[in-house]
Amino acid sequence: MKGAVHINDLVEATLLSIDHRPSVAAPTYIIDGAYDYDATEIARWDSQGAGSTFAARYQNHIDVAQQYGLKTHIMPRILAIAPDQRLPGYAPAYSLLSLLEDLKQYGMEGPPEPKL
């Protein structure tokens, strides 16, 4: 609930970093997932009671969160990544909503492996 990076976003970032070869020593980049919420929501997190922000944002997924024991009262953290720590071209596609939808559709096993 606090934050995570989906494996597909991590693969995308890894491939981008291989292609991004600076002329100086290799920089360190911070990779983060996509956010479904903004700083305003974080500032008011659960002002209506424990789990209220999650319930408002993910109202179609409350049952999934309860089924899998997600702690909906835990406030997520948005990383303040400095411009020089961002990997050029990286745009995460997966967020907490992606996780909730995958849990709803596939359960703990997750989506099937892609066929190569």
PDB file of N, CA and C in Angstrom:
ATOM      1  N   MET A   1       0.809  -1.200   0.000  1.00  0.00           N
ATOM      2  CA  MET A   1       0.000   0.000   0.000  1.00  0.00           C
ATOM      3  C   MET A   1       0.853   1.264   0.000  1.00  0.00           C
ATOM      4  N   LYS A   2       2.042   1.199   0.551  1.00  0.00           N
ATOM      5  CA  LYS A   2       2.871   2.414   0.619  1.00  0.00           C
ATOM      6  C   LYS A   2       3.459   2.774  -0.733  1.00  0.00           C
ATOM      7  N   GLY A   3       3.639   1.809  -1.590  1.00  0.00           N
ATOM      8  CA  GLY A   3       4.198   2.081  -2.897  1.00  0.00           C
ATOM      9  C   GLY A   3       4.954   0.876  -3.414  1.00  0.00           C
ATOM     10  N   ALA A   4       5.005   0.764  -4.699  1.00  0.00           N
ATOM     11  CA  ALA A   4       5.694  -0.364  -5.323  1.00  0.00           C
ATOM     12  C   ALA A   4       5.911  -0.051  -6.799  1.00  0.00           C
ATOM     13  N   VAL A   5       6.732  -0.846  -7.430  1.00  0.00           N
ATOM     14  CA  VAL A   5       6.957  -0.738  -8.860  1.00  0.00           C
ATOM     15  C   VAL A   5       6.591  -2.083  -9.477  1.00  0.00           C
ATOM     16  N   HIS A   6       5.723  -2.058 -10.461  1.00  0.00           N
ATOM     17  CA  HIS A   6       5.302  -3.273 -11.159  1.00  0.00           C
ATOM     18  C   HIS A   6       6.477  -3.824 -11.960  1.00  0.00           C
ATOM     19  N   ILE A   7       6.556  -5.121 -12.049  1.00  0.00           N
ATOM     20  CA  ILE A   7       7.665  -5.773 -12.757  1.00  0.00           C
ATOM     21  C   ILE A   7       7.765  -5.300 -14.209  1.00  0.00           C
ATOM     22  N   ASN A   8       6.637  -5.062 -14.866  1.00  0.00           N
ATOM     23  CA  ASN A   8       6.681  -4.586 -16.256  1.00  0.00           C
ATOM     24  C   ASN A   8       7.292  -3.190 -16.346  1.00  0.00           C
ATOM     25  N   ASP A   9       6.991  -2.331 -15.360  1.00  0.00           N
ATOM     26  CA  ASP A   9       7.617  -1.009 -15.339  1.00  0.00           C
ATOM     27  C   ASP A   9       9.110  -1.124 -15.070  1.00  0.00           C
ATOM     28  N   LEU A  10       9.495  -2.037 -14.207  1.00  0.00           N
ATOM     29  CA  LEU A  10      10.906  -2.243 -13.908  1.00  0.00           C
ATOM     30  C   LEU A  10      11.662  -2.727 -15.150  1.00  0.00           C
ATOM     31  N   VAL A  11      11.053  -3.632 -15.903  1.00  0.00           N
ATOM     32  CA  VAL A  11      11.672  -4.110 -17.149  1.00  0.00           C
ATOM     33  C   VAL A  11      11.830  -2.950 -18.128  1.00  0.00           C
ATOM     34  N   GLU A  12      10.780  -2.140 -18.265  1.00  0.00           N
ATOM     35  CA  GLU A  12      10.842  -0.974 -19.157  1.00  0.00           C
ATOM     36  C   GLU A  12      11.975  -0.032 -18.742  1.00  0.00           C
ATOM     37  N   ALA A  13      12.084   0.235 -17.456  1.00  0.00           N
ATOM     38  CA  ALA A  13      13.139   1.119 -16.962  1.00  0.00           C
ATOM     39  C   ALA A  13      14.518   0.519 -17.221  1.00  0.00           C
ATOM     40  N   THR A  14      14.643  -0.777 -17.024  1.00  0.00           N
ATOM     41  CA  THR A  14      15.933  -1.443 -17.255  1.00  0.00           C
ATOM     42  C   THR A  14      16.342  -1.330 -18.722  1.00  0.00           C
ATOM     43  N   LEU A  15      15.400  -1.591 -19.615  1.00  0.00           N
ATOM     44  CA  LEU A  15      15.709  -1.492 -21.051  1.00  0.00           C
ATOM     45  C   LEU A  15      16.063  -0.059 -21.447  1.00  0.00           C
ATOM     46  N   LEU A  16      15.329   0.903 -20.923  1.00  0.00           N
ATOM     47  CA  LEU A  16      15.648   2.307 -21.200  1.00  0.00           C
ATOM     48  C   LEU A  16      17.037   2.672 -20.685  1.00  0.00           C
ATOM     49  N   SER A  17      17.387   2.179 -19.505  1.00  0.00           N
ATOM     50  CA  SER A  17      18.687   2.522 -18.937  1.00  0.00           C
ATOM     51  C   SER A  17      19.832   1.916 -19.738  1.00  0.00           C
ATOM     52  N   ILE A  18      19.607   0.778 -20.345  1.00  0.00           N
ATOM     53  CA  ILE A  18      20.634   0.167 -21.197  1.00  0.00           C
ATOM     54  C   ILE A  18      20.863   1.026 -22.429  1.00  0.00           C
ATOM     55  N   ASP A  19      19.767   1.542 -22.989  1.00  0.00           N
ATOM     56  CA  ASP A  19      19.869   2.377 -24.183  1.00  0.00           C
ATOM     57  C   ASP A  19      20.384   3.784 -23.877  1.00  0.00           C
ATOM     58  N   HIS A  20      20.214   4.226 -22.640  1.00  0.00           N
ATOM     59  CA  HIS A  20      20.642   5.574 -22.248  1.00  0.00           C
ATOM     60  C   HIS A  20      22.066   5.487 -21.726  1.00  0.00           C
ATOM     61  N   ARG A  21      23.009   5.801 -22.595  1.00  0.00           N
ATOM     62  CA  ARG A  21      24.420   5.704 -22.211  1.00  0.00           C
ATOM     63  C   ARG A  21      25.032   7.101 -22.165  1.00  0.00           C
ATOM     64  N   PRO A  22      25.088   7.670 -20.984  1.00  0.00           N
ATOM     65  CA  PRO A  22      25.688   9.004 -20.876  1.00  0.00           C
ATOM     66  C   PRO A  22      27.196   8.947 -21.120  1.00  0.00           C
ATOM     67  N   SER A  23      27.754  10.103 -21.455  1.00  0.00           N
ATOM     68  CA  SER A  23      29.194  10.156 -21.745  1.00  0.00           C
ATOM     69  C   SER A  23      30.036  10.118 -20.473  1.00  0.00           C
ATOM     70  N   VAL A  24      29.418  10.355 -19.337  1.00  0.00           N
ATOM     71  CA  VAL A  24      30.129  10.292 -18.062  1.00  0.00           C
ATOM     72  C   VAL A  24      29.780   8.980 -17.366  1.00  0.00           C
ATOM     73  N   ALA A  25      30.242   8.835 -16.156  1.00  0.00           N
ATOM     74  CA  ALA A  25      29.952   7.613 -15.386  1.00  0.00           C
ATOM     75  C   ALA A  25      28.444   7.386 -15.311  1.00  0.00           C
ATOM     76  N   ALA A  26      28.055   6.140 -15.302  1.00  0.00           N
ATOM     77  CA  ALA A  26      26.634   5.785 -15.281  1.00  0.00           C
ATOM     78  C   ALA A  26      25.943   6.362 -14.050  1.00  0.00           C
ATOM     79  N   PRO A  27      24.879   7.123 -14.255  1.00  0.00           N
ATOM     80  CA  PRO A  27      24.158   7.700 -13.121  1.00  0.00           C
ATOM     81  C   PRO A  27      23.270   6.666 -12.438  1.00  0.00           C
ATOM     82  N   THR A  28      22.828   7.007 -11.240  1.00  0.00           N
ATOM     83  CA  THR A  28      21.865   6.184 -10.527  1.00  0.00           C
ATOM     84  C   THR A  28      20.500   6.831 -10.691  1.00  0.00           C
ATOM     85  N   TYR A  29      19.513   6.044 -11.132  1.00  0.00           N
ATOM     86  CA  TYR A  29      18.171   6.565 -11.317  1.00  0.00           C
ATOM     87  C   TYR A  29      17.234   5.961 -10.276  1.00  0.00           C
ATOM     88  N   ILE A  30      16.263   6.749  -9.859  1.00  0.00           N
ATOM     89  CA  ILE A  30      15.230   6.260  -8.953  1.00  0.00           C
ATOM     90  C   ILE A  30      14.020   5.899  -9.803  1.00  0.00           C
ATOM     91  N   ILE A  31      13.551   4.674  -9.656  1.00  0.00           N
ATOM     92  CA  ILE A  31      12.409   4.182 -10.425  1.00  0.00           C
ATOM     93  C   ILE A  31      11.230   4.040  -9.472  1.00  0.00           C
ATOM     94  N   ASP A  32      10.106   4.591  -9.863  1.00  0.00           N
ATOM     95  CA  ASP A  32       8.912   4.519  -9.031  1.00  0.00           C
ATOM     96  C   ASP A  32       7.735   4.113  -9.903  1.00  0.00           C
ATOM     97  N   GLY A  33       6.672   3.669  -9.265  1.00  0.00           N
ATOM     98  CA  GLY A  33       5.465   3.290  -9.983  1.00  0.00           C
ATOM     99  C   GLY A  33       4.604   4.502 -10.288  1.00  0.00           C
ATOM    100  N   ALA A  34       3.498   4.265 -10.954  1.00  0.00           N
ATOM    101  CA  ALA A  34       2.539   5.327 -11.258  1.00  0.00           C
ATOM    102  C   ALA A  34       1.670   5.580 -10.028  1.00  0.00           C
ATOM    103  N   TYR A  35       1.156   6.786  -9.934  1.00  0.00           N
ATOM    104  CA  TYR A  35       0.303   7.155  -8.812  1.00  0.00           C
ATOM    105  C   TYR A  35      -1.122   7.390  -9.290  1.00  0.00           C
ATOM    106  N   ASP A  36      -2.085   6.934  -8.497  1.00  0.00           N
ATOM    107  CA  ASP A  36      -3.500   7.188  -8.774  1.00  0.00           C
ATOM    108  C   ASP A  36      -3.984   8.396  -7.986  1.00  0.00           C
ATOM    109  N   TYR A  37      -3.161   8.960  -7.144  1.00  0.00           N
ATOM    110  CA  TYR A  37      -3.534  10.031  -6.236  1.00  0.00           C
ATOM    111  C   TYR A  37      -2.491  11.136  -6.361  1.00  0.00           C
ATOM    112  N   ASP A  38      -2.796  12.281  -5.774  1.00  0.00           N
ATOM    113  CA  ASP A  38      -1.867  13.402  -5.862  1.00  0.00           C
ATOM    114  C   ASP A  38      -1.519  13.911  -4.455  1.00  0.00           C
ATOM    115  N   ALA A  39      -0.670  14.923  -4.414  1.00  0.00           N
ATOM    116  CA  ALA A  39      -0.195  15.452  -3.134  1.00  0.00           C
ATOM    117  C   ALA A  39      -1.336  15.994  -2.278  1.00  0.00           C
ATOM    118  N   THR A  40      -2.368  16.537  -2.892  1.00  0.00           N
ATOM    119  CA  THR A  40      -3.523  17.049  -2.144  1.00  0.00           C
ATOM    120  C   THR A  40      -4.223  15.920  -1.405  1.00  0.00           C
ATOM    121  N   GLU A  41      -4.434  14.798  -2.087  1.00  0.00           N
ATOM    122  CA  GLU A  41      -5.053  13.644  -1.428  1.00  0.00           C
ATOM    123  C   GLU A  41      -4.171  13.117  -0.298  1.00  0.00           C
ATOM    124  N   ILE A  42      -2.873  13.109  -0.510  1.00  0.00           N
ATOM    125  CA  ILE A  42      -1.954  12.644   0.530  1.00  0.00           C
ATOM    126  C   ILE A  42      -2.047  13.562   1.753  1.00  0.00           C
ATOM    127  N   ALA A  43      -2.094  14.861   1.525  1.00  0.00           N
ATOM    128  CA  ALA A  43      -2.168  15.813   2.636  1.00  0.00           C
ATOM    129  C   ALA A  43      -3.440  15.624   3.462  1.00  0.00           C
ATOM    130  N   ARG A  44      -4.498  15.168   2.835  1.00  0.00           N
ATOM    131  CA  ARG A  44      -5.769  14.968   3.548  1.00  0.00           C
ATOM    132  C   ARG A  44      -6.058  13.483   3.779  1.00  0.00           C
ATOM    133  N   TRP A  45      -5.053  12.648   3.690  1.00  0.00           N
ATOM    134  CA  TRP A  45      -5.241  11.196   3.764  1.00  0.00           C
ATOM    135  C   TRP A  45      -6.041  10.812   5.006  1.00  0.00           C
ATOM    136  N   ASP A  46      -7.106  10.098   4.771  1.00  0.00           N
ATOM    137  CA  ASP A  46      -7.983   9.555   5.813  1.00  0.00           C
ATOM    138  C   ASP A  46      -8.519  10.607   6.785  1.00  0.00           C
ATOM    139  N   SER A  47      -8.718  11.828   6.320  1.00  0.00           N
ATOM    140  CA  SER A  47      -9.291  12.873   7.180  1.00  0.00           C
ATOM    141  C   SER A  47     -10.734  12.550   7.570  1.00  0.00           C
ATOM    142  N   GLN A  48     -11.359  11.637   6.838  1.00  0.00           N
ATOM    143  CA  GLN A  48     -12.732  11.212   7.149  1.00  0.00           C
ATOM    144  C   GLN A  48     -12.747   9.891   7.922  1.00  0.00           C
ATOM    145  N   GLY A  49     -11.592   9.430   8.355  1.00  0.00           N
ATOM    146  CA  GLY A  49     -11.497   8.185   9.110  1.00  0.00           C
ATOM    147  C   GLY A  49     -10.606   7.175   8.407  1.00  0.00           C
ATOM    148  N   ALA A  50     -10.151   6.188   9.172  1.00  0.00           N
ATOM    149  CA  ALA A  50      -9.229   5.178   8.652  1.00  0.00           C
ATOM    150  C   ALA A  50      -9.819   4.460   7.435  1.00  0.00           C
ATOM    151  N   GLY A  51      -9.071   4.461   6.355  1.00  0.00           N
ATOM    152  CA  GLY A  51      -9.483   3.778   5.136  1.00  0.00           C
ATOM    153  C   GLY A  51     -10.409   4.589   4.244  1.00  0.00           C
ATOM    154  N   SER A  52     -10.755   5.807   4.640  1.00  0.00           N
ATOM    155  CA  SER A  52     -11.727   6.596   3.881  1.00  0.00           C
ATOM    156  C   SER A  52     -11.198   7.067   2.524  1.00  0.00           C
ATOM    157  N   THR A  53      -9.924   7.423   2.451  1.00  0.00           N
ATOM    158  CA  THR A  53      -9.368   7.875   1.177  1.00  0.00           C
ATOM    159  C   THR A  53      -9.299   6.716   0.193  1.00  0.00           C
ATOM    160  N   PHE A  54      -8.866   5.554   0.673  1.00  0.00           N
ATOM    161  CA  PHE A  54      -8.835   4.370  -0.178  1.00  0.00           C
ATOM    162  C   PHE A  54     -10.245   4.069  -0.676  1.00  0.00           C
ATOM    163  N   ALA A  55     -11.203   4.085   0.220  1.00  0.00           N
ATOM    164  CA  ALA A  55     -12.592   3.758  -0.141  1.00  0.00           C
ATOM    165  C   ALA A  55     -13.131   4.727  -1.186  1.00  0.00           C
ATOM    166  N   ALA A  56     -12.785   5.999  -1.074  1.00  0.00           N
ATOM    167  CA  ALA A  56     -13.257   6.985  -2.038  1.00  0.00           C
ATOM    168  C   ALA A  56     -12.577   6.798  -3.399  1.00  0.00           C
ATOM    169  N   ARG A  57     -11.288   6.528  -3.381  1.00  0.00           N
ATOM    170  CA  ARG A  57     -10.518   6.410  -4.621  1.00  0.00           C
ATOM    171  C   ARG A  57     -10.748   5.073  -5.325  1.00  0.00           C
ATOM    172  N   TYR A  58     -10.862   4.005  -4.551  1.00  0.00           N
ATOM    173  CA  TYR A  58     -10.950   2.653  -5.118  1.00  0.00           C
ATOM    174  C   TYR A  58     -12.256   1.968  -4.713  1.00  0.00           C
ATOM    175  N   GLN A  59     -13.365   2.679  -4.821  1.00  0.00           N
ATOM    176  CA  GLN A  59     -14.631   2.154  -4.325  1.00  0.00           C
ATOM    177  C   GLN A  59     -15.037   0.824  -4.944  1.00  0.00           C
ATOM    178  N   ASN A  60     -14.593   0.518  -6.154  1.00  0.00           N
ATOM    179  CA  ASN A  60     -14.932  -0.764  -6.788  1.00  0.00           C
ATOM    180  C   ASN A  60     -13.987  -1.891  -6.390  1.00  0.00           C
ATOM    181  N   HIS A  61     -13.039  -1.593  -5.507  1.00  0.00           N
ATOM    182  CA  HIS A  61     -12.036  -2.595  -5.148  1.00  0.00           C
ATOM    183  C   HIS A  61     -11.909  -2.803  -3.635  1.00  0.00           C
ATOM    184  N   ILE A  62     -12.836  -2.275  -2.870  1.00  0.00           N
ATOM    185  CA  ILE A  62     -12.778  -2.430  -1.415  1.00  0.00           C
ATOM    186  C   ILE A  62     -12.842  -3.902  -1.030  1.00  0.00           C
ATOM    187  N   ASP A  63     -13.697  -4.664  -1.706  1.00  0.00           N
ATOM    188  CA  ASP A  63     -13.828  -6.092  -1.396  1.00  0.00           C
ATOM    189  C   ASP A  63     -12.527  -6.843  -1.643  1.00  0.00           C
ATOM    190  N   VAL A  64     -11.824  -6.508  -2.707  1.00  0.00           N
ATOM    191  CA  VAL A  64     -10.540  -7.159  -3.022  1.00  0.00           C
ATOM    192  C   VAL A  64      -9.509  -6.806  -1.953  1.00  0.00           C
ATOM    193  N   ALA A  65      -9.467  -5.541  -1.573  1.00  0.00           N
ATOM    194  CA  ALA A  65      -8.526  -5.112  -0.530  1.00  0.00           C
ATOM    195  C   ALA A  65      -8.778  -5.862   0.772  1.00  0.00           C
ATOM    196  N   GLN A  66     -10.030  -6.010   1.139  1.00  0.00           N
ATOM    197  CA  GLN A  66     -10.368  -6.736   2.365  1.00  0.00           C
ATOM    198  C   GLN A  66     -10.033  -8.222   2.227  1.00  0.00           C
ATOM    199  N   GLN A  67     -10.358  -8.800   1.082  1.00  0.00           N
ATOM    200  CA  GLN A  67     -10.093 -10.224   0.856  1.00  0.00           C
ATOM    201  C   GLN A  67      -8.614 -10.557   1.004  1.00  0.00           C
ATOM    202  N   TYR A  68      -7.740  -9.660   0.524  1.00  0.00           N
ATOM    203  CA  TYR A  68      -6.308  -9.936   0.557  1.00  0.00           C
ATOM    204  C   TYR A  68      -5.579  -9.226   1.711  1.00  0.00           C
ATOM    205  N   GLY A  69      -6.343  -8.661   2.624  1.00  0.00           N
ATOM    206  CA  GLY A  69      -5.757  -8.079   3.828  1.00  0.00           C
ATOM    207  C   GLY A  69      -4.908  -6.842   3.609  1.00  0.00           C
ATOM    208  N   LEU A  70      -5.203  -6.075   2.564  1.00  0.00           N
ATOM    209  CA  LEU A  70      -4.451  -4.845   2.339  1.00  0.00           C
ATOM    210  C   LEU A  70      -4.822  -3.822   3.410  1.00  0.00           C
ATOM    211  N   LYS A  71      -3.850  -3.134   3.893  1.00  0.00           N
ATOM    212  CA  LYS A  71      -4.058  -2.151   4.959  1.00  0.00           C
ATOM    213  C   LYS A  71      -4.388  -0.804   4.318  1.00  0.00           C
ATOM    214  N   THR A  72      -5.660  -0.583   4.098  1.00  0.00           N
ATOM    215  CA  THR A  72      -6.114   0.585   3.352  1.00  0.00           C
ATOM    216  C   THR A  72      -5.945   1.903   4.102  1.00  0.00           C
ATOM    217  N   HIS A  73      -5.618   1.854   5.363  1.00  0.00           N
ATOM    218  CA  HIS A  73      -5.412   3.071   6.140  1.00  0.00           C
ATOM    219  C   HIS A  73      -3.983   3.600   6.041  1.00  0.00           C
ATOM    220  N   ILE A  74      -3.078   2.799   5.501  1.00  0.00           N
ATOM    221  CA  ILE A  74      -1.685   3.223   5.402  1.00  0.00           C
ATOM    222  C   ILE A  74      -1.546   4.265   4.295  1.00  0.00           C
ATOM    223  N   MET A  75      -0.983   5.388   4.646  1.00  0.00           N
ATOM    224  CA  MET A  75      -0.819   6.472   3.690  1.00  0.00           C
ATOM    225  C   MET A  75       0.324   6.155   2.739  1.00  0.00           C
ATOM    226  N   PRO A  76       0.061   6.198   1.433  1.00  0.00           N
ATOM    227  CA  PRO A  76       1.141   5.986   0.460  1.00  0.00           C
ATOM    228  C   PRO A  76       2.131   7.142   0.511  1.00  0.00           C
ATOM    229  N   ARG A  77       3.244   6.940  -0.113  1.00  0.00           N
ATOM    230  CA  ARG A  77       4.276   7.967  -0.154  1.00  0.00           C
ATOM    231  C   ARG A  77       4.606   8.274  -1.613  1.00  0.00           C
ATOM    232  N   ILE A  78       4.578   9.520  -1.957  1.00  0.00           N
ATOM    233  CA  ILE A  78       4.994   9.934  -3.298  1.00  0.00           C
ATOM    234  C   ILE A  78       6.458  10.330  -3.199  1.00  0.00           C
ATOM    235  N   LEU A  79       7.291   9.683  -3.985  1.00  0.00           N
ATOM    236  CA  LEU A  79       8.710  10.014  -3.962  1.00  0.00           C
ATOM    237  C   LEU A  79       8.954  11.336  -4.681  1.00  0.00           C
ATOM    238  N   ALA A  80       9.680  12.203  -4.046  1.00  0.00           N
ATOM    239  CA  ALA A  80      10.085  13.461  -4.673  1.00  0.00           C
ATOM    240  C   ALA A  80      11.410  13.188  -5.377  1.00  0.00           C
ATOM    241  N   ILE A  81      11.319  12.842  -6.632  1.00  0.00           N
ATOM    242  CA  ILE A  81      12.509  12.467  -7.390  1.00  0.00           C
ATOM    243  C   ILE A  81      13.056  13.701  -8.105  1.00  0.00           C
ATOM    244  N   ALA A  82      14.294  14.021  -7.819  1.00  0.00           N
ATOM    245  CA  ALA A  82      14.938  15.176  -8.452  1.00  0.00           C
ATOM    246  C   ALA A  82      15.057  14.924  -9.959  1.00  0.00           C
ATOM    247  N   PRO A  83      14.986  15.988 -10.751  1.00  0.00           N
ATOM    248  CA  PRO A  83      15.051  15.833 -12.213  1.00  0.00           C
ATOM    249  C   PRO A  83      16.261  15.030 -12.699  1.00  0.00           C
ATOM    250  N   ASP A  84      17.423  15.202 -12.056  1.00  0.00           N
ATOM    251  CA  ASP A  84      18.610  14.465 -12.501  1.00  0.00           C
ATOM    252  C   ASP A  84      18.611  13.009 -12.054  1.00  0.00           C
ATOM    253  N   GLN A  85      17.626  12.610 -11.244  1.00  0.00           N
ATOM    254  CA  GLN A  85      17.513  11.215 -10.816  1.00  0.00           C
ATOM    255  C   GLN A  85      16.428  10.469 -11.587  1.00  0.00           C
ATOM    256  N   ARG A  86      15.807  11.146 -12.545  1.00  0.00           N
ATOM    257  CA  ARG A  86      14.761  10.527 -13.361  1.00  0.00           C
ATOM    258  C   ARG A  86      15.368   9.962 -14.632  1.00  0.00           C
ATOM    259  N   LEU A  87      14.983   8.761 -14.949  1.00  0.00           N
ATOM    260  CA  LEU A  87      15.454   8.130 -16.179  1.00  0.00           C
ATOM    261  C   LEU A  87      14.732   8.753 -17.363  1.00  0.00           C
ATOM    262  N   PRO A  88      15.463   9.337 -18.307  1.00  0.00           N
ATOM    263  CA  PRO A  88      14.821   9.961 -19.465  1.00  0.00           C
ATOM    264  C   PRO A  88      13.944   8.951 -20.219  1.00  0.00           C
ATOM    265  N   GLY A  89      12.710   9.352 -20.484  1.00  0.00           N
ATOM    266  CA  GLY A  89      11.786   8.507 -21.245  1.00  0.00           C
ATOM    267  C   GLY A  89      10.971   7.537 -20.416  1.00  0.00           C
ATOM    268  N   TYR A  90      11.291   7.393 -19.133  1.00  0.00           N
ATOM    269  CA  TYR A  90      10.552   6.436 -18.304  1.00  0.00           C
ATOM    270  C   TYR A  90       9.224   7.030 -17.850  1.00  0.00           C
ATOM    271  N   ALA A  91       8.156   6.307 -18.105  1.00  0.00           N
ATOM    272  CA  ALA A  91       6.813   6.704 -17.666  1.00  0.00           C
ATOM    273  C   ALA A  91       6.107   5.445 -17.170  1.00  0.00           C
ATOM    274  N   PRO A  92       6.004   5.265 -15.862  1.00  0.00           N
ATOM    275  CA  PRO A  92       5.381   4.043 -15.343  1.00  0.00           C
ATOM    276  C   PRO A  92       3.927   3.916 -15.795  1.00  0.00           C
ATOM    277  N   ALA A  93       3.531   2.692 -16.069  1.00  0.00           N
ATOM    278  CA  ALA A  93       2.173   2.429 -16.546  1.00  0.00           C
ATOM    279  C   ALA A  93       1.307   1.767 -15.489  1.00  0.00           C
ATOM    280  N   TYR A  94       1.901   1.213 -14.461  1.00  0.00           N
ATOM    281  CA  TYR A  94       1.160   0.425 -13.476  1.00  0.00           C
ATOM    282  C   TYR A  94       1.121   1.125 -12.125  1.00  0.00           C
ATOM    283  N   SER A  95      -0.033   1.056 -11.477  1.00  0.00           N
ATOM    284  CA  SER A  95      -0.253   1.707 -10.192  1.00  0.00           C
ATOM    285  C   SER A  95      -0.948   0.735  -9.239  1.00  0.00           C
ATOM    286  N   LEU A  96      -1.350   1.243  -8.093  1.00  0.00           N
ATOM    287  CA  LEU A  96      -2.107   0.427  -7.146  1.00  0.00           C
ATOM    288  C   LEU A  96      -3.394  -0.072  -7.788  1.00  0.00           C
ATOM    289  N   LEU A  97      -4.020   0.744  -8.599  1.00  0.00           N
ATOM    290  CA  LEU A  97      -5.232   0.315  -9.291  1.00  0.00           C
ATOM    291  C   LEU A  97      -4.948  -0.907 -10.167  1.00  0.00           C
ATOM    292  N   SER A  98      -3.803  -0.924 -10.830  1.00  0.00           N
ATOM    293  CA  SER A  98      -3.414  -2.080 -11.646  1.00  0.00           C
ATOM    294  C   SER A  98      -3.329  -3.339 -10.790  1.00  0.00           C
ATOM    295  N   LEU A  99      -2.712  -3.211  -9.615  1.00  0.00           N
ATOM    296  CA  LEU A  99      -2.594  -4.338  -8.694  1.00  0.00           C
ATOM    297  C   LEU A  99      -3.972  -4.829  -8.272  1.00  0.00           C
ATOM    298  N   LEU A 100      -4.842  -3.905  -7.899  1.00  0.00           N
ATOM    299  CA  LEU A 100      -6.182  -4.277  -7.449  1.00  0.00           C
ATOM    300  C   LEU A 100      -6.971  -4.970  -8.561  1.00  0.00           C
ATOM    301  N   GLU A 101      -6.851  -4.479  -9.775  1.00  0.00           N
ATOM    302  CA  GLU A 101      -7.541  -5.108 -10.902  1.00  0.00           C
ATOM    303  C   GLU A 101      -6.988  -6.500 -11.187  1.00  0.00           C
ATOM    304  N   ASP A 102      -5.663  -6.652 -11.097  1.00  0.00           N
ATOM    305  CA  ASP A 102      -5.063  -7.985 -11.286  1.00  0.00           C
ATOM    306  C   ASP A 102      -5.504  -8.946 -10.187  1.00  0.00           C
ATOM    307  N   LEU A 103      -5.539  -8.470  -8.946  1.00  0.00           N
ATOM    308  CA  LEU A 103      -6.001  -9.327  -7.850  1.00  0.00           C
ATOM    309  C   LEU A 103      -7.454  -9.753  -8.064  1.00  0.00           C
ATOM    310  N   LYS A 104      -8.266  -8.820  -8.497  1.00  0.00           N
ATOM    311  CA  LYS A 104      -9.681  -9.116  -8.731  1.00  0.00           C
ATOM    312  C   LYS A 104      -9.843 -10.153  -9.833  1.00  0.00           C
ATOM    313  N   GLN A 105      -9.076 -10.013 -10.895  1.00  0.00           N
ATOM    314  CA  GLN A 105      -9.218 -10.908 -12.043  1.00  0.00           C
ATOM    315  C   GLN A 105      -8.482 -12.236 -11.875  1.00  0.00           C
ATOM    316  N   TYR A 106      -7.269 -12.206 -11.303  1.00  0.00           N
ATOM    317  CA  TYR A 106      -6.425 -13.404 -11.298  1.00  0.00           C
ATOM    318  C   TYR A 106      -6.124 -13.969  -9.913  1.00  0.00           C
ATOM    319  N   GLY A 107      -6.421 -13.235  -8.860  1.00  0.00           N
ATOM    320  CA  GLY A 107      -6.079 -13.701  -7.518  1.00  0.00           C
ATOM    321  C   GLY A 107      -4.588 -13.593  -7.275  1.00  0.00           C
ATOM    322  N   MET A 108      -4.120 -14.284  -6.248  1.00  0.00           N
ATOM    323  CA  MET A 108      -2.719 -14.211  -5.853  1.00  0.00           C
ATOM    324  C   MET A 108      -1.768 -14.803  -6.895  1.00  0.00           C
ATOM    325  N   GLU A 109      -2.273 -15.636  -7.778  1.00  0.00           N
ATOM    326  CA  GLU A 109      -1.421 -16.229  -8.811  1.00  0.00           C
ATOM    327  C   GLU A 109      -0.982 -15.191  -9.841  1.00  0.00           C
ATOM    328  N   GLY A 110      -1.742 -14.129  -9.974  1.00  0.00           N
ATOM    329  CA  GLY A 110      -1.411 -13.089 -10.942  1.00  0.00           C
ATOM    330  C   GLY A 110      -1.766 -13.491 -12.362  1.00  0.00           C
ATOM    331  N   PRO A 111      -1.557 -12.585 -13.295  1.00  0.00           N
ATOM    332  CA  PRO A 111      -1.898 -12.878 -14.691  1.00  0.00           C
ATOM    333  C   PRO A 111      -1.019 -13.981 -15.260  1.00  0.00           C
ATOM    334  N   PRO A 112      -1.508 -14.653 -16.288  1.00  0.00           N
ATOM    335  CA  PRO A 112      -0.706 -15.732 -16.892  1.00  0.00           C
ATOM    336  C   PRO A 112       0.555 -15.190 -17.545  1.00  0.00           C
ATOM    337  N   GLU A 113       1.563 -16.035 -17.609  1.00  0.00           N
ATOM    338  CA  GLU A 113       2.820 -15.677 -18.256  1.00  0.00           C
ATOM    339  C   GLU A 113       2.544 -15.402 -19.737  1.00  0.00           C
ATOM    340  N   PRO A 114       3.213 -14.408 -20.300  1.00  0.00           N
ATOM    341  CA  PRO A 114       3.020 -14.157 -21.735  1.00  0.00           C
ATOM    342  C   PRO A 114       3.581 -15.310 -22.557  1.00  0.00           C
ATOM    343  N   LYS A 115       2.919 -15.591 -23.653  1.00  0.00           N
ATOM    344  CA  LYS A 115       3.404 -16.660 -24.547  1.00  0.00           C
ATOM    345  C   LYS A 115       4.422 -16.073 -25.488  1.00  0.00           C
ATOM    346  N   LEU A 116       5.577 -16.706 -25.532  1.00  0.00           N
ATOM    347  CA  LEU A 116       6.654 -16.212 -26.393  1.00  0.00           C
ATOM    348  C   LEU A 116       6.634 -16.884 -27.735  1.00  0.00           C
TER     349      LEU A 116
END
